[in-house]
């Protein structure tokens, strides 16, 4: 699992990645020193749980991926089998490239998990 995160972090613009359980517990992390994994994990679980509940009310398919664009960074959350894949990225990142790399990483994580 750490190999998948390490490879993902080699993508231009990605600043860190981690896998957290639906309960927010960190399963594996390769984040920059400026981020607290426990805090990011708890927030990711909370955000994705709330979005999934909203999607359930709309009778839509399960959550696949969420992108949050903040002033100084972008956050990506993706359902990844063993948990939620969380990717942090620079503000000016190529979103299409990041989504493609996340899709590839999710496939690998599902094999591992």
Protein backbone atom coordinates (compact mmCIF):
# COMPACT_ATOMS: atom_id res chain seq x y z
CA UNK A 1 0.00 0.00 0.00
CA UNK A 2 2.85 2.37 0.83
CA UNK A 3 4.36 1.67 -2.60
CA UNK A 4 1.14 2.81 -4.27
CA UNK A 5 1.14 6.04 -2.24
CA UNK A 6 4.82 6.65 -2.92
CA UNK A 7 4.33 6.20 -6.67
CA UNK A 8 1.29 8.48 -6.61
CA UNK A 9 3.28 11.18 -4.83
CA UNK A 10 5.78 11.23 -7.69
CA UNK A 11 3.10 12.80 -9.89
CA UNK A 12 3.76 16.46 -10.59
CA UNK A 13 1.72 18.66 -8.28
CA UNK A 14 0.80 16.03 -5.70
CA UNK A 15 2.01 16.96 -2.23
CA UNK A 16 0.86 13.90 -0.29
CA UNK A 17 -1.49 10.94 -0.14
CA UNK A 18 -3.00 8.59 2.38
CA UNK A 19 -5.59 5.86 2.86
CA UNK A 20 -8.02 6.17 5.75
CA UNK A 21 -10.80 3.91 6.93
CA UNK A 22 -14.41 5.06 6.78
CA UNK A 23 -14.03 5.75 10.50
CA UNK A 24 -11.18 8.22 9.87
CA UNK A 25 -8.42 5.96 11.20
CA UNK A 26 -5.23 6.26 9.14
CA UNK A 27 -4.37 2.99 7.37
CA UNK A 28 -1.31 4.27 5.49
CA UNK A 29 0.07 7.75 4.87
CA UNK A 30 2.75 9.49 2.86
CA UNK A 31 1.98 13.13 3.65
CA UNK A 32 4.14 16.20 3.81
CA UNK A 33 5.39 17.29 7.24
CA UNK A 34 2.98 20.24 7.28
CA UNK A 35 -0.13 18.02 7.48
CA UNK A 36 -1.35 16.00 10.45
CA UNK A 37 -2.52 12.61 9.19
CA UNK A 38 -5.02 12.04 11.99
CA UNK A 39 -6.71 15.39 11.33
CA UNK A 40 -6.81 14.90 7.56
CA UNK A 41 -8.13 11.37 8.02
CA UNK A 42 -10.93 12.46 10.33
CA UNK A 43 -11.94 15.27 7.98
CA UNK A 44 -11.87 12.99 4.93
CA UNK A 45 -14.11 10.44 6.64
CA UNK A 46 -16.53 13.12 7.78
CA UNK A 47 -16.72 14.78 4.36
CA UNK A 48 -17.16 11.57 2.39
CA UNK A 49 -19.72 10.17 4.85
CA UNK A 50 -21.84 13.31 4.61
CA UNK A 51 -21.64 13.37 0.83
CA UNK A 52 -22.54 9.67 0.60
CA UNK A 53 -25.59 10.23 2.83
CA UNK A 54 -26.70 13.04 0.52
CA UNK A 55 -26.19 10.84 -2.53
CA UNK A 56 -28.19 8.04 -0.87
CA UNK A 57 -31.09 10.45 -0.38
CA UNK A 58 -30.95 11.17 -4.11
CA UNK A 59 -30.88 7.44 -4.92
CA UNK A 60 -27.65 7.77 -6.87
CA UNK A 61 -24.73 5.41 -7.24
CA UNK A 62 -22.09 5.22 -4.53
CA UNK A 63 -19.55 7.99 -4.19
CA UNK A 64 -16.55 7.60 -6.51
CA UNK A 65 -14.53 10.78 -6.11
CA UNK A 66 -14.75 14.25 -4.56
CA UNK A 67 -12.57 17.23 -5.43
CA UNK A 68 -12.28 20.23 -3.13
CA UNK A 69 -10.63 23.36 -4.42
CA UNK A 70 -9.35 25.69 -1.69
CA UNK A 71 -7.46 28.94 -2.04
CA UNK A 72 -4.01 27.37 -1.69
CA UNK A 73 -4.50 23.69 -2.51
CA UNK A 74 -6.74 20.98 -3.89
CA UNK A 75 -7.94 17.88 -2.07
CA UNK A 76 -9.16 14.71 -3.72
CA UNK A 77 -11.08 11.91 -1.97
CA UNK A 78 -11.75 8.61 -3.74
CA UNK A 79 -13.36 5.37 -2.63
CA UNK A 80 -10.54 2.83 -2.79
CA UNK A 81 -11.77 -0.53 -1.53
CA UNK A 82 -9.78 -0.78 1.72
CA UNK A 83 -10.70 2.81 2.58
CA UNK A 84 -10.69 6.34 1.26
CA UNK A 85 -7.76 7.52 -0.82
CA UNK A 86 -6.92 11.12 0.09
CA UNK A 87 -4.64 13.14 -2.19
CA UNK A 88 -3.39 16.64 -1.47
CA UNK A 89 -2.15 18.76 -4.36
CA UNK A 90 -0.88 22.19 -5.27
CA UNK A 91 -3.33 24.90 -6.26
CA UNK A 92 -2.37 24.97 -9.95
CA UNK A 93 -2.24 21.22 -10.49
CA UNK A 94 -3.44 19.54 -13.70
CA UNK A 95 -6.74 18.10 -12.45
CA UNK A 96 -7.12 15.70 -15.37
CA UNK A 97 -3.69 14.18 -14.73
CA UNK A 98 -4.39 13.87 -11.01
CA UNK A 99 -7.74 12.15 -11.61
CA UNK A 100 -6.09 9.68 -13.99
CA UNK A 101 -3.35 8.90 -11.46
CA UNK A 102 -5.95 8.52 -8.70
CA UNK A 103 -7.93 6.10 -10.87
CA UNK A 104 -4.80 4.02 -11.42
CA UNK A 105 -3.91 4.10 -7.72
CA UNK A 106 -7.44 3.06 -6.71
CA UNK A 107 -7.16 0.03 -9.00
CA UNK A 108 -3.90 -0.97 -7.37
CA UNK A 109 -5.23 -0.37 -3.85
CA UNK A 110 -8.25 -2.58 -4.51
CA UNK A 111 -5.88 -5.41 -5.41
CA UNK A 112 -3.86 -4.86 -2.23
CA UNK A 113 -6.84 -4.33 0.09
